[in-house]
PDB file of all heavy atoms in Angstrom:
ATOM      1  N   GLU A   1      -3.266   4.439  -3.853  1.00  0.00           N
ATOM      2  CA  GLU A   1      -2.023   4.282  -3.120  1.00  0.00           C
ATOM      3  C   GLU A   1      -1.004   5.325  -3.567  1.00  0.00           C
ATOM      4  O   GLU A   1      -1.021   5.770  -4.719  1.00  0.00           O
ATOM      5  CB  GLU A   1      -1.409   2.888  -3.338  1.00  0.00           C
ATOM      6  CG  GLU A   1      -2.300   1.718  -3.009  1.00  0.00           C
ATOM      7  CD  GLU A   1      -3.102   1.222  -4.191  1.00  0.00           C
ATOM      8  OE1 GLU A   1      -3.288   1.981  -5.162  1.00  0.00           O
ATOM      9  OE2 GLU A   1      -3.541   0.052  -4.164  1.00  0.00           O
ATOM     10  N   SER A   2      -0.103   5.674  -2.648  1.00  0.00           N
ATOM     11  CA  SER A   2       1.000   6.576  -2.973  1.00  0.00           C
ATOM     12  C   SER A   2       2.174   6.271  -2.051  1.00  0.00           C
ATOM     13  O   SER A   2       2.011   5.570  -1.037  1.00  0.00           O
ATOM     14  CB  SER A   2       0.576   8.035  -2.821  1.00  0.00           C
ATOM     15  OG  SER A   2       0.195   8.302  -1.483  1.00  0.00           O
ATOM     16  N   GLY A   3       3.353   6.794  -2.407  1.00  0.00           N
ATOM     17  CA  GLY A   3       4.512   6.690  -1.530  1.00  0.00           C
ATOM     18  C   GLY A   3       5.573   5.686  -1.941  1.00  0.00           C
ATOM     19  O   GLY A   3       6.607   5.591  -1.284  1.00  0.00           O
ATOM     20  N   GLY A   4       5.331   4.938  -3.015  1.00  0.00           N
ATOM     21  CA  GLY A   4       6.334   3.979  -3.442  1.00  0.00           C
ATOM     22  C   GLY A   4       7.550   4.670  -4.034  1.00  0.00           C
ATOM     23  O   GLY A   4       7.561   5.877  -4.257  1.00  0.00           O
ATOM     24  N   GLY A   5       8.596   3.860  -4.280  1.00  0.00           N
ATOM     25  CA  GLY A   5       9.804   4.406  -4.877  1.00  0.00           C
ATOM     26  C   GLY A   5      10.963   3.453  -4.730  1.00  0.00           C
ATOM     27  O   GLY A   5      10.794   2.290  -4.355  1.00  0.00           O
ATOM     28  N   LEU A   6      12.152   3.967  -5.024  1.00  0.00           N
ATOM     29  CA  LEU A   6      13.389   3.188  -4.927  1.00  0.00           C
ATOM     30  C   LEU A   6      14.083   3.524  -3.613  1.00  0.00           C
ATOM     31  O   LEU A   6      14.258   4.704  -3.285  1.00  0.00           O
ATOM     32  CB  LEU A   6      14.294   3.528  -6.106  1.00  0.00           C
ATOM     33  CG  LEU A   6      15.704   2.930  -6.082  1.00  0.00           C
ATOM     34  CD1 LEU A   6      15.640   1.411  -6.156  1.00  0.00           C
ATOM     35  CD2 LEU A   6      16.522   3.503  -7.233  1.00  0.00           C
ATOM     36  N   VAL A   7      14.471   2.494  -2.883  1.00  0.00           N
ATOM     37  CA  VAL A   7      15.141   2.695  -1.599  1.00  0.00           C
ATOM     38  C   VAL A   7      16.226   1.639  -1.448  1.00  0.00           C
ATOM     39  O   VAL A   7      16.103   0.523  -1.968  1.00  0.00           O
ATOM     40  CB  VAL A   7      14.120   2.618  -0.435  1.00  0.00           C
ATOM     41  CG1 VAL A   7      13.468   1.259  -0.342  1.00  0.00           C
ATOM     42  CG2 VAL A   7      14.754   3.023   0.881  1.00  0.00           C
ATOM     43  N   GLN A   8      17.286   1.986  -0.754  1.00  0.00           N
ATOM     44  CA  GLN A   8      18.380   1.047  -0.516  1.00  0.00           C
ATOM     45  C   GLN A   8      18.001   0.064   0.599  1.00  0.00           C
ATOM     46  O   GLN A   8      17.184   0.391   1.474  1.00  0.00           O
ATOM     47  CB  GLN A   8      19.654   1.791  -0.136  1.00  0.00           C
ATOM     48  CG  GLN A   8      20.231   2.611  -1.269  1.00  0.00           C
ATOM     49  CD  GLN A   8      21.574   3.217  -0.908  1.00  0.00           C
ATOM     50  OE1 GLN A   8      21.942   3.310   0.258  1.00  0.00           O
ATOM     51  NE2 GLN A   8      22.331   3.631  -1.927  1.00  0.00           N
ATOM     52  N   PRO A   9      18.589  -1.111   0.605  1.00  0.00           N
ATOM     53  CA  PRO A   9      18.359  -2.047   1.707  1.00  0.00           C
ATOM     54  C   PRO A   9      18.661  -1.387   3.044  1.00  0.00           C
ATOM     55  O   PRO A   9      19.660  -0.664   3.188  1.00  0.00           O
ATOM     56  CB  PRO A   9      19.349  -3.182   1.404  1.00  0.00           C
ATOM     57  CG  PRO A   9      19.503  -3.146  -0.077  1.00  0.00           C
ATOM     58  CD  PRO A   9      19.455  -1.694  -0.455  1.00  0.00           C
ATOM     59  N   GLY A  10      17.784  -1.651   4.017  1.00  0.00           N
ATOM     60  CA  GLY A  10      17.912  -1.023   5.321  1.00  0.00           C
ATOM     61  C   GLY A  10      17.178   0.288   5.442  1.00  0.00           C
ATOM     62  O   GLY A  10      17.041   0.826   6.552  1.00  0.00           O
ATOM     63  N   GLY A  11      16.699   0.811   4.324  1.00  0.00           N
ATOM     64  CA  GLY A  11      16.004   2.092   4.331  1.00  0.00           C
ATOM     65  C   GLY A  11      14.541   1.965   4.702  1.00  0.00           C
ATOM     66  O   GLY A  11      14.056   0.882   5.048  1.00  0.00           O
ATOM     67  N   SER A  12      13.835   3.099   4.616  1.00  0.00           N
ATOM     68  CA  SER A  12      12.427   3.163   5.012  1.00  0.00           C
ATOM     69  C   SER A  12      11.598   3.849   3.938  1.00  0.00           C
ATOM     70  O   SER A  12      12.103   4.688   3.181  1.00  0.00           O
ATOM     71  CB  SER A  12      12.275   3.947   6.318  1.00  0.00           C
ATOM     72  OG  SER A  12      12.955   3.317   7.382  1.00  0.00           O
ATOM     73  N   LEU A  13      10.332   3.467   3.887  1.00  0.00           N
ATOM     74  CA  LEU A  13       9.342   4.131   3.046  1.00  0.00           C
ATOM     75  C   LEU A  13       8.022   4.138   3.804  1.00  0.00           C
ATOM     76  O   LEU A  13       7.767   3.240   4.618  1.00  0.00           O
ATOM     77  CB  LEU A  13       9.136   3.389   1.725  1.00  0.00           C
ATOM     78  CG  LEU A  13      10.098   3.632   0.572  1.00  0.00           C
ATOM     79  CD1 LEU A  13       9.730   2.745  -0.604  1.00  0.00           C
ATOM     80  CD2 LEU A  13      10.107   5.093   0.152  1.00  0.00           C
ATOM     81  N   ARG A  14       7.194   5.115   3.478  1.00  0.00           N
ATOM     82  CA  ARG A  14       5.859   5.170   4.061  1.00  0.00           C
ATOM     83  C   ARG A  14       4.850   5.223   2.931  1.00  0.00           C
ATOM     84  O   ARG A  14       4.848   6.163   2.133  1.00  0.00           O
ATOM     85  CB  ARG A  14       5.693   6.386   4.965  1.00  0.00           C
ATOM     86  CG  ARG A  14       4.385   6.383   5.754  1.00  0.00           C
ATOM     87  CD  ARG A  14       4.331   7.572   6.717  1.00  0.00           C
ATOM     88  NE  ARG A  14       3.155   7.558   7.555  1.00  0.00           N
ATOM     89  CZ  ARG A  14       3.100   6.967   8.751  1.00  0.00           C
ATOM     90  NH1 ARG A  14       4.151   6.353   9.229  1.00  0.00           N
ATOM     91  NH2 ARG A  14       1.987   6.994   9.468  1.00  0.00           N
ATOM     92  N   LEU A  15       4.007   4.205   2.855  1.00  0.00           N
ATOM     93  CA  LEU A  15       2.953   4.144   1.851  1.00  0.00           C
ATOM     94  C   LEU A  15       1.656   4.680   2.456  1.00  0.00           C
ATOM     95  O   LEU A  15       1.417   4.516   3.655  1.00  0.00           O
ATOM     96  CB  LEU A  15       2.739   2.715   1.366  1.00  0.00           C
ATOM     97  CG  LEU A  15       3.968   1.971   0.850  1.00  0.00           C
ATOM     98  CD1 LEU A  15       3.550   0.594   0.337  1.00  0.00           C
ATOM     99  CD2 LEU A  15       4.678   2.763  -0.229  1.00  0.00           C
ATOM    100  N   SER A  16       0.835   5.262   1.602  1.00  0.00           N
ATOM    101  CA  SER A  16      -0.450   5.770   2.056  1.00  0.00           C
ATOM    102  C   SER A  16      -1.547   5.291   1.114  1.00  0.00           C
ATOM    103  O   SER A  16      -1.345   5.209  -0.099  1.00  0.00           O
ATOM    104  CB  SER A  16      -0.441   7.294   2.114  1.00  0.00           C
ATOM    105  OG  SER A  16      -1.642   7.774   2.685  1.00  0.00           O
ATOM    106  N   CYS A  17      -2.707   4.980   1.673  1.00  0.00           N
ATOM    107  CA  CYS A  17      -3.878   4.570   0.909  1.00  0.00           C
ATOM    108  C   CYS A  17      -5.010   5.519   1.264  1.00  0.00           C
ATOM    109  O   CYS A  17      -5.415   5.596   2.421  1.00  0.00           O
ATOM    110  CB  CYS A  17      -4.259   3.136   1.250  1.00  0.00           C
ATOM    111  SG  CYS A  17      -5.833   2.594   0.547  1.00  0.00           S
ATOM    112  N   ALA A  18      -5.519   6.234   0.270  1.00  0.00           N
ATOM    113  CA  ALA A  18      -6.630   7.154   0.481  1.00  0.00           C
ATOM    114  C   ALA A  18      -7.913   6.520  -0.035  1.00  0.00           C
ATOM    115  O   ALA A  18      -7.969   6.071  -1.187  1.00  0.00           O
ATOM    116  CB  ALA A  18      -6.361   8.470  -0.241  1.00  0.00           C
ATOM    117  N   ALA A  19      -8.940   6.493   0.817  1.00  0.00           N
ATOM    118  CA  ALA A  19     -10.221   5.890   0.450  1.00  0.00           C
ATOM    119  C   ALA A  19     -11.272   6.956   0.217  1.00  0.00           C
ATOM    120  O   ALA A  19     -11.328   7.957   0.934  1.00  0.00           O
ATOM    121  CB  ALA A  19     -10.674   4.940   1.546  1.00  0.00           C
ATOM    122  N   SER A  20     -12.102   6.736  -0.783  1.00  0.00           N
ATOM    123  CA  SER A  20     -13.219   7.638  -1.052  1.00  0.00           C
ATOM    124  C   SER A  20     -14.394   6.817  -1.560  1.00  0.00           C
ATOM    125  O   SER A  20     -14.247   5.647  -1.916  1.00  0.00           O
ATOM    126  CB  SER A  20     -12.838   8.712  -2.067  1.00  0.00           C
ATOM    127  OG  SER A  20     -12.459   8.109  -3.303  1.00  0.00           O
ATOM    128  N   GLY A  21     -15.562   7.426  -1.582  1.00  0.00           N
ATOM    129  CA  GLY A  21     -16.754   6.707  -2.025  1.00  0.00           C
ATOM    130  C   GLY A  21     -17.587   6.305  -0.828  1.00  0.00           C
ATOM    131  O   GLY A  21     -17.782   7.094   0.088  1.00  0.00           O
ATOM    132  N   SER A  22     -18.044   5.074  -0.809  1.00  0.00           N
ATOM    133  CA  SER A  22     -18.907   4.581   0.265  1.00  0.00           C
ATOM    134  C   SER A  22     -18.076   4.195   1.482  1.00  0.00           C
ATOM    135  O   SER A  22     -18.096   3.061   1.945  1.00  0.00           O
ATOM    136  CB  SER A  22     -19.725   3.377  -0.226  1.00  0.00           C
ATOM    137  OG  SER A  22     -20.523   3.740  -1.325  1.00  0.00           O
ATOM    138  N   ILE A  23     -17.346   5.172   1.997  1.00  0.00           N
ATOM    139  CA  ILE A  23     -16.369   4.875   3.037  1.00  0.00           C
ATOM    140  C   ILE A  23     -17.004   4.530   4.369  1.00  0.00           C
ATOM    141  O   ILE A  23     -16.392   3.916   5.212  1.00  0.00           O
ATOM    142  CB  ILE A  23     -15.398   6.057   3.209  1.00  0.00           C
ATOM    143  CG1 ILE A  23     -16.168   7.355   3.426  1.00  0.00           C
ATOM    144  CG2 ILE A  23     -14.484   6.163   1.997  1.00  0.00           C
ATOM    145  CD1 ILE A  23     -15.291   8.576   3.600  1.00  0.00           C
ATOM    146  N   PHE A  24     -18.258   4.884   4.561  1.00  0.00           N
ATOM    147  CA  PHE A  24     -18.909   4.532   5.815  1.00  0.00           C
ATOM    148  C   PHE A  24     -19.086   3.026   5.928  1.00  0.00           C
ATOM    149  O   PHE A  24     -19.331   2.501   6.993  1.00  0.00           O
ATOM    150  CB  PHE A  24     -20.277   5.208   5.902  1.00  0.00           C
ATOM    151  CG  PHE A  24     -21.195   4.858   4.773  1.00  0.00           C
ATOM    152  CD1 PHE A  24     -22.014   3.743   4.830  1.00  0.00           C
ATOM    153  CD2 PHE A  24     -21.237   5.651   3.635  1.00  0.00           C
ATOM    154  CE1 PHE A  24     -22.858   3.419   3.776  1.00  0.00           C
ATOM    155  CE2 PHE A  24     -22.075   5.339   2.586  1.00  0.00           C
ATOM    156  CZ  PHE A  24     -22.895   4.220   2.647  1.00  0.00           C
ATOM    157  N   SER A  25     -18.957   2.320   4.802  1.00  0.00           N
ATOM    158  CA  SER A  25     -19.115   0.872   4.798  1.00  0.00           C
ATOM    159  C   SER A  25     -17.823   0.121   5.049  1.00  0.00           C
ATOM    160  O   SER A  25     -17.819  -1.094   5.120  1.00  0.00           O
ATOM    161  CB  SER A  25     -19.682   0.420   3.437  1.00  0.00           C
ATOM    162  OG  SER A  25     -20.888   1.060   3.153  1.00  0.00           O
ATOM    163  N   ILE A  26     -16.719   0.845   5.138  1.00  0.00           N
ATOM    164  CA  ILE A  26     -15.426   0.188   5.228  1.00  0.00           C
ATOM    165  C   ILE A  26     -15.195  -0.360   6.623  1.00  0.00           C
ATOM    166  O   ILE A  26     -15.377   0.327   7.613  1.00  0.00           O
ATOM    167  CB  ILE A  26     -14.290   1.149   4.850  1.00  0.00           C
ATOM    168  CG1 ILE A  26     -14.385   1.499   3.367  1.00  0.00           C
ATOM    169  CG2 ILE A  26     -12.938   0.535   5.167  1.00  0.00           C
ATOM    170  CD1 ILE A  26     -13.355   2.494   2.929  1.00  0.00           C
ATOM    171  N   ASN A  27     -14.754  -1.604   6.669  1.00  0.00           N
ATOM    172  CA  ASN A  27     -14.347  -2.200   7.927  1.00  0.00           C
ATOM    173  C   ASN A  27     -12.821  -2.306   7.938  1.00  0.00           C
ATOM    174  O   ASN A  27     -12.128  -1.347   8.201  1.00  0.00           O
ATOM    175  CB  ASN A  27     -15.018  -3.548   8.106  1.00  0.00           C
ATOM    176  CG  ASN A  27     -14.725  -4.148   9.471  1.00  0.00           C
ATOM    177  OD1 ASN A  27     -14.185  -3.457  10.352  1.00  0.00           O
ATOM    178  ND2 ASN A  27     -15.063  -5.387   9.670  1.00  0.00           N
ATOM    179  N   ALA A  28     -12.322  -3.475   7.637  1.00  0.00           N
ATOM    180  CA  ALA A  28     -10.871  -3.654   7.617  1.00  0.00           C
ATOM    181  C   ALA A  28     -10.298  -3.180   6.285  1.00  0.00           C
ATOM    182  O   ALA A  28     -10.959  -3.248   5.252  1.00  0.00           O
ATOM    183  CB  ALA A  28     -10.520  -5.117   7.832  1.00  0.00           C
ATOM    184  N   ILE A  29      -9.095  -2.698   6.329  1.00  0.00           N
ATOM    185  CA  ILE A  29      -8.345  -2.349   5.116  1.00  0.00           C
ATOM    186  C   ILE A  29      -7.015  -3.076   5.172  1.00  0.00           C
ATOM    187  O   ILE A  29      -6.386  -3.162   6.226  1.00  0.00           O
ATOM    188  CB  ILE A  29      -8.133  -0.832   4.991  1.00  0.00           C
ATOM    189  CG1 ILE A  29      -9.485  -0.142   4.788  1.00  0.00           C
ATOM    190  CG2 ILE A  29      -7.202  -0.520   3.823  1.00  0.00           C
ATOM    191  CD1 ILE A  29      -9.399   1.353   4.544  1.00  0.00           C
ATOM    192  N   ASP A  30      -6.621  -3.632   4.027  1.00  0.00           N
ATOM    193  CA  ASP A  30      -5.421  -4.461   3.963  1.00  0.00           C
ATOM    194  C   ASP A  30      -4.390  -3.867   3.015  1.00  0.00           C
ATOM    195  O   ASP A  30      -4.735  -3.135   2.092  1.00  0.00           O
ATOM    196  CB  ASP A  30      -5.763  -5.850   3.396  1.00  0.00           C
ATOM    197  CG  ASP A  30      -7.098  -6.371   3.837  1.00  0.00           C
ATOM    198  OD1 ASP A  30      -7.391  -6.256   5.038  1.00  0.00           O
ATOM    199  OD2 ASP A  30      -7.853  -6.882   2.982  1.00  0.00           O
ATOM    200  N   TRP A  31      -3.166  -4.239   3.225  1.00  0.00           N
ATOM    201  CA  TRP A  31      -2.092  -4.022   2.257  1.00  0.00           C
ATOM    202  C   TRP A  31      -1.632  -5.389   1.765  1.00  0.00           C
ATOM    203  O   TRP A  31      -1.347  -6.280   2.570  1.00  0.00           O
ATOM    204  CB  TRP A  31      -0.915  -3.274   2.865  1.00  0.00           C
ATOM    205  CG  TRP A  31      -1.101  -1.807   2.987  1.00  0.00           C
ATOM    206  CD1 TRP A  31      -1.481  -1.114   4.094  1.00  0.00           C
ATOM    207  CD2 TRP A  31      -0.895  -0.839   1.959  1.00  0.00           C
ATOM    208  NE1 TRP A  31      -1.531   0.226   3.822  1.00  0.00           N
ATOM    209  CE2 TRP A  31      -1.174   0.425   2.514  1.00  0.00           C
ATOM    210  CE3 TRP A  31      -0.496  -0.897   0.623  1.00  0.00           C
ATOM    211  CZ2 TRP A  31      -1.076   1.613   1.791  1.00  0.00           C
ATOM    212  CZ3 TRP A  31      -0.393   0.272  -0.099  1.00  0.00           C
ATOM    213  CH2 TRP A  31      -0.681   1.514   0.480  1.00  0.00           C
ATOM    214  N   TYR A  32      -1.574  -5.540   0.455  1.00  0.00           N
ATOM    215  CA  TYR A  32      -1.029  -6.727  -0.196  1.00  0.00           C
ATOM    216  C   TYR A  32       0.189  -6.292  -1.013  1.00  0.00           C
ATOM    217  O   TYR A  32       0.354  -5.105  -1.309  1.00  0.00           O
ATOM    218  CB  TYR A  32      -2.050  -7.347  -1.161  1.00  0.00           C
ATOM    219  CG  TYR A  32      -3.110  -8.199  -0.513  1.00  0.00           C
ATOM    220  CD1 TYR A  32      -4.180  -7.624   0.160  1.00  0.00           C
ATOM    221  CD2 TYR A  32      -3.074  -9.591  -0.609  1.00  0.00           C
ATOM    222  CE1 TYR A  32      -5.173  -8.406   0.735  1.00  0.00           C
ATOM    223  CE2 TYR A  32      -4.061 -10.377  -0.044  1.00  0.00           C
ATOM    224  CZ  TYR A  32      -5.100  -9.771   0.625  1.00  0.00           C
ATOM    225  OH  TYR A  32      -6.085 -10.562   1.183  1.00  0.00           O
ATOM    226  N   ARG A  33       0.985  -7.245  -1.415  1.00  0.00           N
ATOM    227  CA  ARG A  33       2.075  -6.954  -2.336  1.00  0.00           C
ATOM    228  C   ARG A  33       2.239  -8.114  -3.308  1.00  0.00           C
ATOM    229  O   ARG A  33       1.886  -9.248  -3.002  1.00  0.00           O
ATOM    230  CB  ARG A  33       3.399  -6.690  -1.610  1.00  0.00           C
ATOM    231  CG  ARG A  33       4.003  -7.907  -0.923  1.00  0.00           C
ATOM    232  CD  ARG A  33       5.232  -7.500  -0.142  1.00  0.00           C
ATOM    233  NE  ARG A  33       5.813  -8.643   0.553  1.00  0.00           N
ATOM    234  CZ  ARG A  33       6.775  -8.523   1.465  1.00  0.00           C
ATOM    235  NH1 ARG A  33       7.252  -7.326   1.793  1.00  0.00           N
ATOM    236  NH2 ARG A  33       7.260  -9.609   2.040  1.00  0.00           N
ATOM    237  N   GLN A  34       2.785  -7.770  -4.467  1.00  0.00           N
ATOM    238  CA  GLN A  34       3.052  -8.787  -5.476  1.00  0.00           C
ATOM    239  C   GLN A  34       4.431  -8.567  -6.053  1.00  0.00           C
ATOM    240  O   GLN A  34       4.687  -7.535  -6.699  1.00  0.00           O
ATOM    241  CB  GLN A  34       1.998  -8.747  -6.583  1.00  0.00           C
ATOM    242  CG  GLN A  34       2.121  -9.895  -7.569  1.00  0.00           C
ATOM    243  CD  GLN A  34       0.880 -10.045  -8.428  1.00  0.00           C
ATOM    244  OE1 GLN A  34       0.080  -9.127  -8.568  1.00  0.00           O
ATOM    245  NE2 GLN A  34       0.707 -11.219  -9.021  1.00  0.00           N
ATOM    246  N   ALA A  35       5.315  -9.528  -5.799  1.00  0.00           N
ATOM    247  CA  ALA A  35       6.663  -9.471  -6.339  1.00  0.00           C
ATOM    248  C   ALA A  35       6.651 -10.021  -7.764  1.00  0.00           C
ATOM    249  O   ALA A  35       5.759 -10.803  -8.128  1.00  0.00           O
ATOM    250  CB  ALA A  35       7.610 -10.284  -5.469  1.00  0.00           C
ATOM    251  N   PRO A  36       7.629  -9.638  -8.574  1.00  0.00           N
ATOM    252  CA  PRO A  36       7.683 -10.142  -9.956  1.00  0.00           C
ATOM    253  C   PRO A  36       7.673 -11.662 -10.003  1.00  0.00           C
ATOM    254  O   PRO A  36       8.472 -12.320  -9.319  1.00  0.00           O
ATOM    255  CB  PRO A  36       9.014  -9.580 -10.469  1.00  0.00           C
ATOM    256  CG  PRO A  36       9.255  -8.366  -9.645  1.00  0.00           C
ATOM    257  CD  PRO A  36       8.705  -8.679  -8.285  1.00  0.00           C
ATOM    258  N   GLY A  37       6.766 -12.234 -10.775  1.00  0.00           N
ATOM    259  CA  GLY A  37       6.695 -13.678 -10.941  1.00  0.00           C
ATOM    260  C   GLY A  37       6.087 -14.431  -9.778  1.00  0.00           C
ATOM    261  O   GLY A  37       6.094 -15.665  -9.766  1.00  0.00           O
ATOM    262  N   LYS A  38       5.552 -13.702  -8.800  1.00  0.00           N
ATOM    263  CA  LYS A  38       4.982 -14.369  -7.627  1.00  0.00           C
ATOM    264  C   LYS A  38       3.528 -13.983  -7.442  1.00  0.00           C
ATOM    265  O   LYS A  38       3.043 -13.004  -8.019  1.00  0.00           O
ATOM    266  CB  LYS A  38       5.792 -14.016  -6.371  1.00  0.00           C
ATOM    267  CG  LYS A  38       7.206 -14.543  -6.386  1.00  0.00           C
ATOM    268  CD  LYS A  38       7.883 -14.331  -5.050  1.00  0.00           C
ATOM    269  CE  LYS A  38       9.279 -14.918  -5.034  1.00  0.00           C
ATOM    270  NZ  LYS A  38       9.950 -14.731  -3.709  1.00  0.00           N
ATOM    271  N   GLN A  39       2.835 -14.757  -6.596  1.00  0.00           N
ATOM    272  CA  GLN A  39       1.439 -14.455  -6.313  1.00  0.00           C
ATOM    273  C   GLN A  39       1.330 -13.282  -5.346  1.00  0.00           C
ATOM    274  O   GLN A  39       2.246 -13.000  -4.567  1.00  0.00           O
ATOM    275  CB  GLN A  39       0.760 -15.690  -5.710  1.00  0.00           C
ATOM    276  CG  GLN A  39       0.547 -16.824  -6.693  1.00  0.00           C
ATOM    277  CD  GLN A  39      -0.319 -17.932  -6.112  1.00  0.00           C
ATOM    278  OE1 GLN A  39      -0.324 -18.151  -4.912  1.00  0.00           O
ATOM    279  NE2 GLN A  39      -1.047 -18.628  -6.967  1.00  0.00           N
TER     280      GLN A  39
END
């Protein structure tokens, strides 16, 4: 993953996920997040 950082409320960011390896086997790709102290 790349593209994270500090942004003000109302702002924008673009995250990117680069895949390598057995990529021909990939079906769905997901984004998850984990906030401090949360699942």
